[in-house]
Amino acid sequence: MPAFIYSLLIQGCISSQRMIDAVHGHYYQYKFSMRESDSRKKATWDKSGVKITFTPVYNRINFSLENKSGSPVEILWNKSSMVQENDSSAIIHGGVTLNSDPRKQSPSRIAENQSLQDFILPLLLIEINDKHLSIRDLYPEKDDELSEKNDWIMHLIGQNLFRLHLSLKINGQEQPLTFNFYPVEIMRGAHSFKTNQ
């Protein structure tokens, strides 16, 4: 144990839990909405008989699409993208391999009265080093050590963190849609929340 932390403990200046947090930092779990949603509590778009609910989870965006439009709906993946901190990226979804060319992805077709559950992965998060693949997080899971001096993650509430450009074909008409995601709640803990996803 570092001497300065031990001396603070002996002097009663900080509790043992605060000492542990100071050394190890905090983990965060986010709940998102989007500017284009009718609900502040959910990231949901519901128009023209198509309902899409998005659930971002660190390094991907899970989603479900329900089609009540009266005709098939297509997601045009090769015309869709994501923007984070002004960096634009092509996206792939759970139905393709990581080495697929995003410009050649076939559309996902959802028949009338059917639904699709899938996820979206921005290519800018994928890193390959010496044939080892890793996927970075879309937003921060953990803050730095000695984080009691630095509560910057909690200040992300209400801030736009990323933007999704999703192109749909509804009733034969192409509709480019833009969704701006922001956290409405952030929960802090001593351990990673990723195992709960």
N, C-alpha and C. Protein backbone atom coordinates (compact mmCIF):
# COMPACT_ATOMS: atom_id res chain seq x y z
N MET A 1 0.86 -1.18 0.00
CA MET A 1 0.00 0.00 0.00
C MET A 1 0.89 1.24 0.00
N PRO A 2 0.62 2.20 -0.91
CA PRO A 2 1.44 3.41 -0.93
C PRO A 2 1.40 4.12 0.42
N ALA A 3 2.55 4.66 0.83
CA ALA A 3 2.68 5.28 2.15
C ALA A 3 1.72 6.45 2.35
N PHE A 4 1.51 7.27 1.30
CA PHE A 4 0.65 8.45 1.48
C PHE A 4 -0.80 8.04 1.72
N ILE A 5 -1.25 6.95 1.07
CA ILE A 5 -2.62 6.48 1.29
C ILE A 5 -2.74 5.87 2.68
N TYR A 6 -1.71 5.11 3.09
CA TYR A 6 -1.72 4.52 4.43
C TYR A 6 -1.77 5.61 5.50
N SER A 7 -1.00 6.67 5.32
CA SER A 7 -0.99 7.73 6.33
C SER A 7 -2.33 8.44 6.39
N LEU A 8 -2.99 8.61 5.23
CA LEU A 8 -4.32 9.22 5.24
C LEU A 8 -5.33 8.33 5.97
N LEU A 9 -5.19 7.02 5.78
CA LEU A 9 -6.09 6.09 6.47
C LEU A 9 -5.90 6.16 7.98
N ILE A 10 -4.63 6.15 8.40
CA ILE A 10 -4.31 6.19 9.84
C ILE A 10 -4.87 7.47 10.44
N GLN A 11 -4.77 8.58 9.70
CA GLN A 11 -5.24 9.86 10.21
C GLN A 11 -6.76 9.97 10.15
N GLY A 12 -7.42 8.98 9.53
CA GLY A 12 -8.88 9.01 9.46
C GLY A 12 -9.41 9.98 8.43
N CYS A 13 -8.58 10.38 7.49
CA CYS A 13 -9.02 11.36 6.50
C CYS A 13 -9.91 10.75 5.43
N ILE A 14 -9.72 9.47 5.11
CA ILE A 14 -10.57 8.82 4.11
C ILE A 14 -10.95 7.43 4.60
N SER A 15 -12.13 6.98 4.19
CA SER A 15 -12.58 5.64 4.58
C SER A 15 -11.84 4.60 3.75
N SER A 16 -11.93 3.34 4.18
CA SER A 16 -11.25 2.28 3.43
C SER A 16 -11.86 2.12 2.04
N GLN A 17 -13.19 2.28 1.89
CA GLN A 17 -13.80 2.17 0.56
C GLN A 17 -13.31 3.29 -0.35
N ARG A 18 -13.23 4.49 0.17
CA ARG A 18 -12.73 5.60 -0.65
C ARG A 18 -11.28 5.37 -1.03
N MET A 19 -10.51 4.74 -0.13
CA MET A 19 -9.13 4.44 -0.45
C MET A 19 -9.06 3.43 -1.61
N ILE A 20 -9.90 2.38 -1.55
CA ILE A 20 -9.92 1.39 -2.62
C ILE A 20 -10.32 2.05 -3.94
N ASP A 21 -11.35 2.89 -3.89
CA ASP A 21 -11.78 3.59 -5.10
C ASP A 21 -10.68 4.49 -5.64
N ALA A 22 -9.94 5.13 -4.73
CA ALA A 22 -8.88 6.03 -5.16
C ALA A 22 -7.78 5.28 -5.90
N VAL A 23 -7.51 4.06 -5.45
CA VAL A 23 -6.45 3.29 -6.07
C VAL A 23 -6.92 2.66 -7.38
N HIS A 24 -8.14 2.13 -7.39
CA HIS A 24 -8.59 1.34 -8.53
C HIS A 24 -9.52 2.08 -9.50
N GLY A 25 -10.02 3.23 -9.13
CA GLY A 25 -10.96 3.93 -9.99
C GLY A 25 -12.35 3.32 -9.92
N HIS A 26 -13.24 3.75 -10.82
CA HIS A 26 -14.62 3.29 -10.84
C HIS A 26 -14.96 2.72 -12.21
N TYR A 27 -15.99 1.86 -12.23
CA TYR A 27 -16.57 1.37 -13.47
C TYR A 27 -17.95 2.01 -13.63
N TYR A 28 -18.42 2.09 -14.88
CA TYR A 28 -19.67 2.79 -15.16
C TYR A 28 -20.56 1.99 -16.08
N GLN A 29 -21.86 2.05 -15.80
CA GLN A 29 -22.87 1.46 -16.67
C GLN A 29 -23.79 2.59 -17.12
N TYR A 30 -24.08 2.63 -18.41
CA TYR A 30 -24.83 3.73 -19.01
C TYR A 30 -26.22 3.28 -19.46
N LYS A 31 -27.17 4.19 -19.39
CA LYS A 31 -28.47 4.00 -20.01
C LYS A 31 -28.65 5.14 -21.00
N PHE A 32 -28.95 4.78 -22.27
CA PHE A 32 -28.98 5.76 -23.35
C PHE A 32 -30.39 6.09 -23.83
N SER A 33 -30.52 7.30 -24.31
CA SER A 33 -31.65 7.69 -25.15
C SER A 33 -31.03 8.34 -26.39
N MET A 34 -31.88 8.88 -27.24
CA MET A 34 -31.38 9.60 -28.41
C MET A 34 -32.28 10.79 -28.68
N ARG A 35 -31.72 11.81 -29.29
CA ARG A 35 -32.45 13.06 -29.53
C ARG A 35 -33.71 12.83 -30.35
N GLU A 36 -33.70 11.82 -31.21
CA GLU A 36 -34.80 11.56 -32.12
C GLU A 36 -35.88 10.67 -31.51
N SER A 37 -35.75 10.30 -30.25
CA SER A 37 -36.70 9.42 -29.58
C SER A 37 -37.82 10.23 -28.94
N ASP A 38 -39.00 9.64 -28.90
CA ASP A 38 -40.12 10.28 -28.18
C ASP A 38 -40.01 10.08 -26.68
N SER A 39 -39.15 9.16 -26.27
CA SER A 39 -38.99 8.85 -24.85
C SER A 39 -37.60 9.26 -24.38
N ARG A 40 -37.56 9.93 -23.24
CA ARG A 40 -36.26 10.29 -22.69
C ARG A 40 -35.58 9.09 -22.04
N LYS A 41 -36.35 8.05 -21.75
CA LYS A 41 -35.81 6.88 -21.05
C LYS A 41 -35.32 5.79 -21.98
N LYS A 42 -35.70 5.81 -23.26
CA LYS A 42 -35.32 4.74 -24.19
C LYS A 42 -34.82 5.34 -25.50
N ALA A 43 -33.96 4.59 -26.16
CA ALA A 43 -33.49 4.97 -27.49
C ALA A 43 -34.36 4.23 -28.52
N THR A 44 -35.57 4.78 -28.76
CA THR A 44 -36.55 4.13 -29.64
C THR A 44 -37.02 5.10 -30.71
N TRP A 45 -37.08 4.60 -31.94
CA TRP A 45 -37.65 5.35 -33.07
C TRP A 45 -38.85 4.55 -33.55
N ASP A 46 -40.01 5.21 -33.67
CA ASP A 46 -41.25 4.52 -34.01
C ASP A 46 -42.05 5.38 -34.99
N LYS A 47 -41.88 5.09 -36.29
CA LYS A 47 -42.58 5.85 -37.33
C LYS A 47 -42.86 4.94 -38.52
N SER A 48 -43.88 5.30 -39.28
CA SER A 48 -44.20 4.60 -40.54
C SER A 48 -44.38 3.10 -40.34
N GLY A 49 -44.83 2.68 -39.16
CA GLY A 49 -45.03 1.26 -38.90
C GLY A 49 -43.76 0.49 -38.59
N VAL A 50 -42.65 1.20 -38.41
CA VAL A 50 -41.37 0.56 -38.09
C VAL A 50 -40.91 1.07 -36.73
N LYS A 51 -40.62 0.14 -35.84
CA LYS A 51 -40.13 0.49 -34.50
C LYS A 51 -38.75 -0.11 -34.30
N ILE A 52 -37.78 0.76 -34.00
CA ILE A 52 -36.41 0.31 -33.72
C ILE A 52 -36.04 0.74 -32.31
N THR A 53 -35.59 -0.21 -31.51
CA THR A 53 -35.10 0.08 -30.17
C THR A 53 -33.62 -0.27 -30.11
N PHE A 54 -32.80 0.72 -29.74
CA PHE A 54 -31.35 0.55 -29.67
C PHE A 54 -30.92 0.41 -28.21
N THR A 55 -29.94 -0.46 -27.98
CA THR A 55 -29.35 -0.63 -26.65
C THR A 55 -27.83 -0.67 -26.79
N PRO A 56 -27.16 0.48 -26.68
CA PRO A 56 -25.69 0.47 -26.75
C PRO A 56 -25.09 -0.26 -25.55
N VAL A 57 -24.09 -1.13 -25.81
CA VAL A 57 -23.39 -1.84 -24.74
C VAL A 57 -21.88 -1.81 -25.00
N TYR A 58 -21.25 -0.72 -24.63
CA TYR A 58 -19.80 -0.52 -24.69
C TYR A 58 -19.22 -0.59 -26.10
N ASN A 59 -19.12 -1.77 -26.72
CA ASN A 59 -18.43 -1.82 -28.02
C ASN A 59 -19.34 -2.21 -29.18
N ARG A 60 -20.64 -2.11 -28.97
CA ARG A 60 -21.58 -2.36 -30.06
C ARG A 60 -22.93 -1.75 -29.69
N ILE A 61 -23.83 -1.71 -30.66
CA ILE A 61 -25.19 -1.24 -30.39
C ILE A 61 -26.14 -2.38 -30.72
N ASN A 62 -26.71 -3.00 -29.70
CA ASN A 62 -27.74 -3.99 -29.93
C ASN A 62 -29.02 -3.28 -30.36
N PHE A 63 -29.79 -3.92 -31.21
CA PHE A 63 -31.06 -3.31 -31.61
C PHE A 63 -32.09 -4.37 -31.97
N SER A 64 -33.35 -3.97 -31.91
CA SER A 64 -34.45 -4.79 -32.42
C SER A 64 -35.29 -3.91 -33.33
N LEU A 65 -35.75 -4.49 -34.44
CA LEU A 65 -36.59 -3.78 -35.39
C LEU A 65 -37.87 -4.58 -35.59
N GLU A 66 -39.02 -3.93 -35.37
CA GLU A 66 -40.32 -4.55 -35.60
C GLU A 66 -40.95 -3.89 -36.82
N ASN A 67 -41.42 -4.71 -37.76
CA ASN A 67 -42.00 -4.20 -39.00
C ASN A 67 -43.51 -4.40 -39.02
N LYS A 68 -44.24 -3.30 -38.85
CA LYS A 68 -45.70 -3.30 -38.97
C LYS A 68 -46.13 -2.37 -40.10
N SER A 69 -45.24 -2.14 -41.05
CA SER A 69 -45.47 -1.14 -42.09
C SER A 69 -46.40 -1.60 -43.21
N GLY A 70 -46.67 -2.90 -43.31
CA GLY A 70 -47.51 -3.41 -44.38
C GLY A 70 -46.73 -3.90 -45.58
N SER A 71 -45.41 -3.74 -45.56
CA SER A 71 -44.56 -4.25 -46.64
C SER A 71 -43.17 -4.54 -46.07
N PRO A 72 -42.32 -5.26 -46.82
CA PRO A 72 -40.98 -5.54 -46.30
C PRO A 72 -40.17 -4.25 -46.05
N VAL A 73 -39.29 -4.31 -45.06
CA VAL A 73 -38.38 -3.21 -44.74
C VAL A 73 -36.96 -3.72 -44.92
N GLU A 74 -36.09 -2.88 -45.47
CA GLU A 74 -34.69 -3.25 -45.64
C GLU A 74 -33.80 -2.28 -44.89
N ILE A 75 -32.74 -2.81 -44.28
CA ILE A 75 -31.67 -1.97 -43.73
C ILE A 75 -30.55 -1.99 -44.75
N LEU A 76 -30.20 -0.83 -45.28
CA LEU A 76 -29.17 -0.72 -46.32
C LEU A 76 -27.83 -0.47 -45.63
N TRP A 77 -27.14 -1.54 -45.29
CA TRP A 77 -25.91 -1.45 -44.51
C TRP A 77 -24.80 -0.70 -45.24
N ASN A 78 -24.70 -0.87 -46.55
CA ASN A 78 -23.61 -0.22 -47.29
C ASN A 78 -23.82 1.28 -47.43
N LYS A 79 -24.99 1.79 -47.03
CA LYS A 79 -25.25 3.23 -47.03
C LYS A 79 -25.37 3.78 -45.62
N SER A 80 -24.98 3.00 -44.64
CA SER A 80 -25.09 3.40 -43.23
C SER A 80 -23.69 3.60 -42.64
N SER A 81 -23.60 4.42 -41.61
CA SER A 81 -22.30 4.70 -40.99
C SER A 81 -22.51 5.21 -39.57
N MET A 82 -21.38 5.42 -38.89
CA MET A 82 -21.41 5.92 -37.53
C MET A 82 -20.36 7.00 -37.35
N VAL A 83 -20.65 7.98 -36.52
CA VAL A 83 -19.71 9.08 -36.25
C VAL A 83 -19.48 9.17 -34.75
N GLN A 84 -18.21 9.19 -34.38
CA GLN A 84 -17.82 9.38 -32.98
C GLN A 84 -16.67 10.37 -32.95
N GLU A 85 -16.84 11.47 -32.20
CA GLU A 85 -15.82 12.51 -32.10
C GLU A 85 -15.33 12.93 -33.49
N ASN A 86 -16.26 13.16 -34.39
CA ASN A 86 -15.99 13.62 -35.77
C ASN A 86 -15.28 12.59 -36.64
N ASP A 87 -15.07 11.36 -36.14
CA ASP A 87 -14.52 10.28 -36.96
C ASP A 87 -15.67 9.46 -37.51
N SER A 88 -15.78 9.39 -38.83
CA SER A 88 -16.83 8.61 -39.46
C SER A 88 -16.32 7.21 -39.75
N SER A 89 -17.20 6.24 -39.62
CA SER A 89 -16.81 4.84 -39.80
C SER A 89 -17.92 4.07 -40.48
N ALA A 90 -17.52 3.16 -41.37
CA ALA A 90 -18.47 2.18 -41.88
C ALA A 90 -18.87 1.27 -40.73
N ILE A 91 -20.00 0.59 -40.87
CA ILE A 91 -20.46 -0.32 -39.84
C ILE A 91 -20.72 -1.69 -40.44
N ILE A 92 -20.62 -2.69 -39.59
CA ILE A 92 -21.07 -4.03 -39.96
C ILE A 92 -22.07 -4.47 -38.91
N HIS A 93 -22.77 -5.55 -39.18
CA HIS A 93 -23.76 -6.03 -38.23
C HIS A 93 -23.48 -7.49 -37.92
N GLY A 94 -24.26 -8.05 -37.01
CA GLY A 94 -24.01 -9.40 -36.52
C GLY A 94 -24.14 -10.48 -37.56
N GLY A 95 -24.74 -10.17 -38.69
CA GLY A 95 -24.94 -11.18 -39.72
C GLY A 95 -23.78 -11.36 -40.68
N VAL A 96 -22.68 -10.64 -40.47
CA VAL A 96 -21.53 -10.74 -41.38
C VAL A 96 -20.26 -10.99 -40.59
N THR A 97 -19.20 -11.40 -41.28
CA THR A 97 -17.93 -11.63 -40.61
C THR A 97 -17.14 -10.33 -40.49
N LEU A 98 -16.18 -10.31 -39.57
CA LEU A 98 -15.40 -9.09 -39.33
C LEU A 98 -14.54 -8.70 -40.52
N ASN A 99 -14.18 -9.66 -41.36
CA ASN A 99 -13.33 -9.31 -42.51
C ASN A 99 -14.14 -9.02 -43.77
N SER A 100 -15.47 -8.88 -43.63
CA SER A 100 -16.31 -8.56 -44.77
C SER A 100 -16.07 -7.12 -45.22
N ASP A 101 -16.25 -6.89 -46.51
CA ASP A 101 -16.17 -5.53 -47.04
C ASP A 101 -17.50 -4.83 -46.74
N PRO A 102 -17.49 -3.77 -45.90
CA PRO A 102 -18.75 -3.12 -45.51
C PRO A 102 -19.49 -2.52 -46.69
N ARG A 103 -18.77 -2.24 -47.80
CA ARG A 103 -19.44 -1.67 -48.97
C ARG A 103 -20.22 -2.71 -49.76
N LYS A 104 -19.99 -3.99 -49.44
CA LYS A 104 -20.66 -5.07 -50.18
C LYS A 104 -21.63 -5.86 -49.31
N GLN A 105 -22.02 -5.30 -48.17
CA GLN A 105 -22.97 -5.99 -47.31
C GLN A 105 -24.36 -6.01 -47.94
N SER A 106 -24.98 -7.16 -47.95
CA SER A 106 -26.35 -7.26 -48.44
C SER A 106 -27.29 -6.61 -47.44
N PRO A 107 -28.38 -6.02 -47.92
CA PRO A 107 -29.36 -5.45 -46.98
C PRO A 107 -29.99 -6.55 -46.12
N SER A 108 -30.37 -6.18 -44.92
CA SER A 108 -31.18 -7.07 -44.08
C SER A 108 -32.64 -6.79 -44.43
N ARG A 109 -33.38 -7.85 -44.74
CA ARG A 109 -34.77 -7.71 -45.16
C ARG A 109 -35.68 -8.26 -44.06
N ILE A 110 -36.60 -7.42 -43.59
CA ILE A 110 -37.53 -7.81 -42.53
C ILE A 110 -38.93 -7.82 -43.13
N ALA A 111 -39.54 -9.00 -43.20
CA ALA A 111 -40.87 -9.15 -43.80
C ALA A 111 -41.93 -8.48 -42.93
N GLU A 112 -43.08 -8.24 -43.52
CA GLU A 112 -44.21 -7.65 -42.80
C GLU A 112 -44.57 -8.50 -41.58
N ASN A 113 -44.82 -7.83 -40.45
CA ASN A 113 -45.17 -8.47 -39.18
C ASN A 113 -44.07 -9.38 -38.63
N GLN A 114 -42.84 -9.14 -39.04
CA GLN A 114 -41.68 -9.86 -38.52
C GLN A 114 -40.77 -8.88 -37.77
N SER A 115 -39.79 -9.42 -37.07
CA SER A 115 -38.85 -8.57 -36.35
C SER A 115 -37.43 -9.11 -36.55
N LEU A 116 -36.46 -8.27 -36.26
CA LEU A 116 -35.05 -8.62 -36.37
C LEU A 116 -34.35 -8.15 -35.11
N GLN A 117 -33.51 -9.03 -34.54
CA GLN A 117 -32.63 -8.64 -33.45
C GLN A 117 -31.20 -8.84 -33.93
N ASP A 118 -30.38 -7.80 -33.78
CA ASP A 118 -29.04 -7.83 -34.33
C ASP A 118 -28.20 -6.82 -33.55
N PHE A 119 -26.95 -6.61 -33.98
CA PHE A 119 -26.13 -5.56 -33.39
C PHE A 119 -25.34 -4.85 -34.48
N ILE A 120 -24.94 -3.64 -34.17
CA ILE A 120 -24.16 -2.79 -35.07
C ILE A 120 -22.78 -2.60 -34.45
N LEU A 121 -21.75 -2.77 -35.28
CA LEU A 121 -20.37 -2.61 -34.82
C LEU A 121 -19.64 -1.65 -35.76
N PRO A 122 -19.20 -0.49 -35.25
CA PRO A 122 -18.41 0.43 -36.09
C PRO A 122 -17.02 -0.14 -36.34
N LEU A 123 -16.57 -0.10 -37.56
CA LEU A 123 -15.25 -0.65 -37.90
C LEU A 123 -14.12 0.10 -37.22
N LEU A 124 -14.33 1.38 -36.89
CA LEU A 124 -13.25 2.16 -36.25
C LEU A 124 -12.89 1.60 -34.88
N LEU A 125 -13.74 0.76 -34.30
CA LEU A 125 -13.44 0.17 -32.99
C LEU A 125 -12.60 -1.09 -33.08
N ILE A 126 -12.47 -1.65 -34.29
CA ILE A 126 -11.76 -2.92 -34.46
C ILE A 126 -10.28 -2.65 -34.69
N GLU A 127 -9.44 -3.29 -33.89
CA GLU A 127 -7.98 -3.16 -34.03
C GLU A 127 -7.37 -4.54 -34.22
N ILE A 128 -6.46 -4.65 -35.19
CA ILE A 128 -5.76 -5.92 -35.42
C ILE A 128 -4.27 -5.67 -35.29
N ASN A 129 -3.65 -6.33 -34.32
CA ASN A 129 -2.20 -6.24 -34.09
C ASN A 129 -1.63 -7.64 -34.08
N ASP A 130 -0.70 -7.90 -35.02
CA ASP A 130 -0.07 -9.23 -35.11
C ASP A 130 -1.11 -10.35 -35.13
N LYS A 131 -2.11 -10.19 -35.94
CA LYS A 131 -3.20 -11.16 -36.13
C LYS A 131 -4.06 -11.34 -34.88
N HIS A 132 -3.89 -10.46 -33.89
CA HIS A 132 -4.74 -10.49 -32.70
C HIS A 132 -5.79 -9.41 -32.83
N LEU A 133 -7.06 -9.80 -32.76
CA LEU A 133 -8.16 -8.85 -32.95
C LEU A 133 -8.70 -8.40 -31.61
N SER A 134 -8.91 -7.10 -31.48
CA SER A 134 -9.57 -6.57 -30.28
C SER A 134 -10.57 -5.50 -30.71
N ILE A 135 -11.56 -5.29 -29.87
CA ILE A 135 -12.59 -4.30 -30.16
C ILE A 135 -12.60 -3.30 -29.02
N ARG A 136 -12.33 -2.03 -29.36
CA ARG A 136 -12.33 -0.97 -28.36
C ARG A 136 -13.76 -0.61 -27.96
N ASP A 137 -13.90 0.04 -26.81
CA ASP A 137 -15.21 0.50 -26.36
C ASP A 137 -15.61 1.78 -27.09
N LEU A 138 -16.90 1.92 -27.30
CA LEU A 138 -17.47 3.09 -27.94
C LEU A 138 -17.52 4.29 -26.98
N TYR A 139 -17.60 3.99 -25.69
CA TYR A 139 -17.62 5.02 -24.65
C TYR A 139 -16.91 4.45 -23.43
N PRO A 140 -16.42 5.31 -22.53
CA PRO A 140 -15.54 4.82 -21.45
C PRO A 140 -16.27 3.96 -20.42
N GLU A 141 -15.65 2.82 -20.11
CA GLU A 141 -16.19 1.94 -19.07
C GLU A 141 -15.63 2.30 -17.70
N LYS A 142 -14.39 2.79 -17.66
CA LYS A 142 -13.68 2.98 -16.40
C LYS A 142 -12.96 4.32 -16.40
N ASP A 143 -12.89 4.94 -15.23
CA ASP A 143 -12.11 6.17 -15.14
C ASP A 143 -10.71 5.85 -14.64
N ASP A 144 -9.90 6.89 -14.45
CA ASP A 144 -8.51 6.70 -14.06
C ASP A 144 -8.38 6.50 -12.56
N GLU A 145 -7.19 6.12 -12.15
CA GLU A 145 -6.90 6.04 -10.72
C GLU A 145 -7.01 7.43 -10.11
N LEU A 146 -7.20 7.45 -8.79
CA LEU A 146 -7.39 8.71 -8.04
C LEU A 146 -8.54 9.51 -8.63
N SER A 147 -9.63 8.79 -8.98
CA SER A 147 -10.74 9.41 -9.69
C SER A 147 -11.59 10.30 -8.81
N GLU A 148 -11.37 10.29 -7.47
CA GLU A 148 -12.15 11.20 -6.64
C GLU A 148 -11.82 12.65 -6.96
N LYS A 149 -10.68 12.88 -7.63
CA LYS A 149 -10.30 14.22 -8.05
C LYS A 149 -10.86 14.55 -9.42
N ASN A 150 -11.49 13.56 -10.06
CA ASN A 150 -11.79 13.71 -11.48
C ASN A 150 -13.06 12.93 -11.79
N ASP A 151 -14.22 13.58 -11.76
CA ASP A 151 -15.51 12.93 -11.94
C ASP A 151 -16.04 13.19 -13.35
N TRP A 152 -15.16 13.16 -14.34
CA TRP A 152 -15.53 13.60 -15.68
C TRP A 152 -16.56 12.70 -16.36
N ILE A 153 -16.58 11.40 -16.06
CA ILE A 153 -17.53 10.51 -16.73
C ILE A 153 -18.97 10.87 -16.37
N MET A 154 -19.24 11.20 -15.11
CA MET A 154 -20.59 11.57 -14.71
C MET A 154 -21.08 12.83 -15.44
N HIS A 155 -20.15 13.64 -15.90
CA HIS A 155 -20.51 14.86 -16.64
C HIS A 155 -20.90 14.56 -18.09
N LEU A 156 -20.81 13.29 -18.51
CA LEU A 156 -21.23 12.92 -19.86
C LEU A 156 -22.75 12.80 -19.99
N ILE A 157 -23.47 12.78 -18.86
CA ILE A 157 -24.93 12.71 -18.91
C ILE A 157 -25.46 13.90 -19.72
N GLY A 158 -26.29 13.59 -20.71
CA GLY A 158 -26.88 14.63 -21.55
C GLY A 158 -26.03 15.06 -22.73
N GLN A 159 -24.79 14.56 -22.82
CA GLN A 159 -23.90 14.93 -23.93
C GLN A 159 -24.02 13.91 -25.07
N ASN A 160 -24.07 14.38 -26.31
CA ASN A 160 -24.07 13.47 -27.46
C ASN A 160 -22.73 12.76 -27.52
N LEU A 161 -22.73 11.41 -27.49
CA LEU A 161 -21.49 10.64 -27.51
C LEU A 161 -21.19 10.04 -28.87
N PHE A 162 -22.21 9.71 -29.64
CA PHE A 162 -22.00 9.17 -30.99
C PHE A 162 -23.28 9.32 -31.79
N ARG A 163 -23.13 9.20 -33.12
CA ARG A 163 -24.24 9.41 -34.05
C ARG A 163 -24.28 8.26 -35.04
N LEU A 164 -25.47 7.74 -35.28
CA LEU A 164 -25.66 6.64 -36.22
C LEU A 164 -26.46 7.13 -37.42
N HIS A 165 -25.91 6.92 -38.62
CA HIS A 165 -26.63 7.19 -39.86
C HIS A 165 -27.08 5.83 -40.39
N LEU A 166 -28.39 5.60 -40.35
CA LEU A 166 -28.94 4.31 -40.75
C LEU A 166 -29.90 4.53 -41.91
N SER A 167 -29.66 3.83 -43.00
CA SER A 167 -30.50 3.98 -44.19
C SER A 167 -31.47 2.81 -44.28
N LEU A 168 -32.77 3.12 -44.29
CA LEU A 168 -33.82 2.11 -44.39
C LEU A 168 -34.56 2.28 -45.71
N LYS A 169 -35.14 1.18 -46.18
CA LYS A 169 -36.07 1.24 -47.30
C LYS A 169 -37.42 0.78 -46.77
N ILE A 170 -38.38 1.73 -46.72
CA ILE A 170 -39.72 1.47 -46.20
C ILE A 170 -40.73 1.77 -47.30
N ASN A 171 -41.60 0.80 -47.59
CA ASN A 171 -42.58 0.95 -48.68
C ASN A 171 -41.92 1.37 -49.98
N GLY A 172 -40.75 0.80 -50.25
CA GLY A 172 -40.05 1.06 -51.49
C GLY A 172 -39.30 2.38 -51.54
N GLN A 173 -39.39 3.18 -50.47
CA GLN A 173 -38.73 4.49 -50.44
C GLN A 173 -37.53 4.46 -49.49
N GLU A 174 -36.39 4.91 -49.99
CA GLU A 174 -35.20 4.95 -49.14
C GLU A 174 -35.29 6.12 -48.18
N GLN A 175 -35.03 5.86 -46.92
CA GLN A 175 -35.09 6.89 -45.88
C GLN A 175 -33.77 6.91 -45.09
N PRO A 176 -32.92 7.91 -45.34
CA PRO A 176 -31.72 8.04 -44.50
C PRO A 176 -32.09 8.66 -43.15
N LEU A 177 -31.76 7.98 -42.08
CA LEU A 177 -32.10 8.43 -40.73
C LEU A 177 -30.84 8.73 -39.95
N THR A 178 -30.92 9.71 -39.05
CA THR A 178 -29.80 10.05 -38.18
C THR A 178 -30.26 9.97 -36.74
N PHE A 179 -29.47 9.28 -35.90
CA PHE A 179 -29.79 9.12 -34.48
C PHE A 179 -28.60 9.59 -33.66
N ASN A 180 -28.83 10.53 -32.74
CA ASN A 180 -27.81 11.07 -31.85
C ASN A 180 -28.02 10.50 -30.45
N PHE A 181 -27.04 9.73 -29.97
CA PHE A 181 -27.16 9.02 -28.69
C PHE A 181 -26.50 9.80 -27.56
N TYR A 182 -27.18 9.82 -26.40
CA TYR A 182 -26.62 10.46 -25.22
C TYR A 182 -27.04 9.68 -23.97
N PRO A 183 -26.19 9.63 -22.94
CA PRO A 183 -26.56 8.92 -21.72
C PRO A 183 -27.55 9.73 -20.89
N VAL A 184 -28.60 9.05 -20.40
CA VAL A 184 -29.57 9.69 -19.51
C VAL A 184 -29.32 9.30 -18.06
N GLU A 185 -28.65 8.17 -17.87
CA GLU A 185 -28.27 7.72 -16.53
C GLU A 185 -26.90 7.06 -16.62
N ILE A 186 -26.09 7.27 -15.59
CA ILE A 186 -24.81 6.56 -15.48
C ILE A 186 -24.69 6.06 -14.04
N MET A 187 -24.49 4.75 -13.91
CA MET A 187 -24.35 4.15 -12.58
C MET A 187 -22.87 3.80 -12.37
N ARG A 188 -22.38 4.10 -11.17
CA ARG A 188 -20.97 3.88 -10.85
C ARG A 188 -20.84 2.68 -9.91
N GLY A 189 -19.78 1.88 -10.10
CA GLY A 189 -19.54 0.75 -9.22
C GLY A 189 -18.07 0.42 -9.14
N ALA A 190 -17.73 -0.51 -8.26
CA ALA A 190 -16.33 -0.87 -8.05
C ALA A 190 -15.87 -1.96 -9.00
N HIS A 191 -16.81 -2.62 -9.69
CA HIS A 191 -16.47 -3.72 -10.59
C HIS A 191 -17.10 -3.50 -11.96
N SER A 192 -16.57 -4.18 -12.95
CA SER A 192 -17.06 -4.04 -14.32
C SER A 192 -18.52 -4.50 -14.43
N PHE A 193 -19.31 -3.76 -15.22
CA PHE A 193 -20.69 -4.13 -15.50
C PHE A 193 -20.82 -4.97 -16.76
N LYS A 194 -19.73 -5.21 -17.46
CA LYS A 194 -19.80 -5.89 -18.76
C LYS A 194 -20.37 -7.30 -18.64
N THR A 195 -20.14 -7.98 -17.54
CA THR A 195 -20.65 -9.33 -17.38
C THR A 195 -22.18 -9.34 -17.28
N ASN A 196 -22.79 -8.17 -17.01
CA ASN A 196 -24.26 -8.10 -16.88
C ASN A 196 -24.95 -7.77 -18.19
N GLN A 197 -24.18 -7.63 -19.29
CA GLN A 197 -24.78 -7.22 -20.56
C GLN A 197 -25.46 -8.38 -21.23
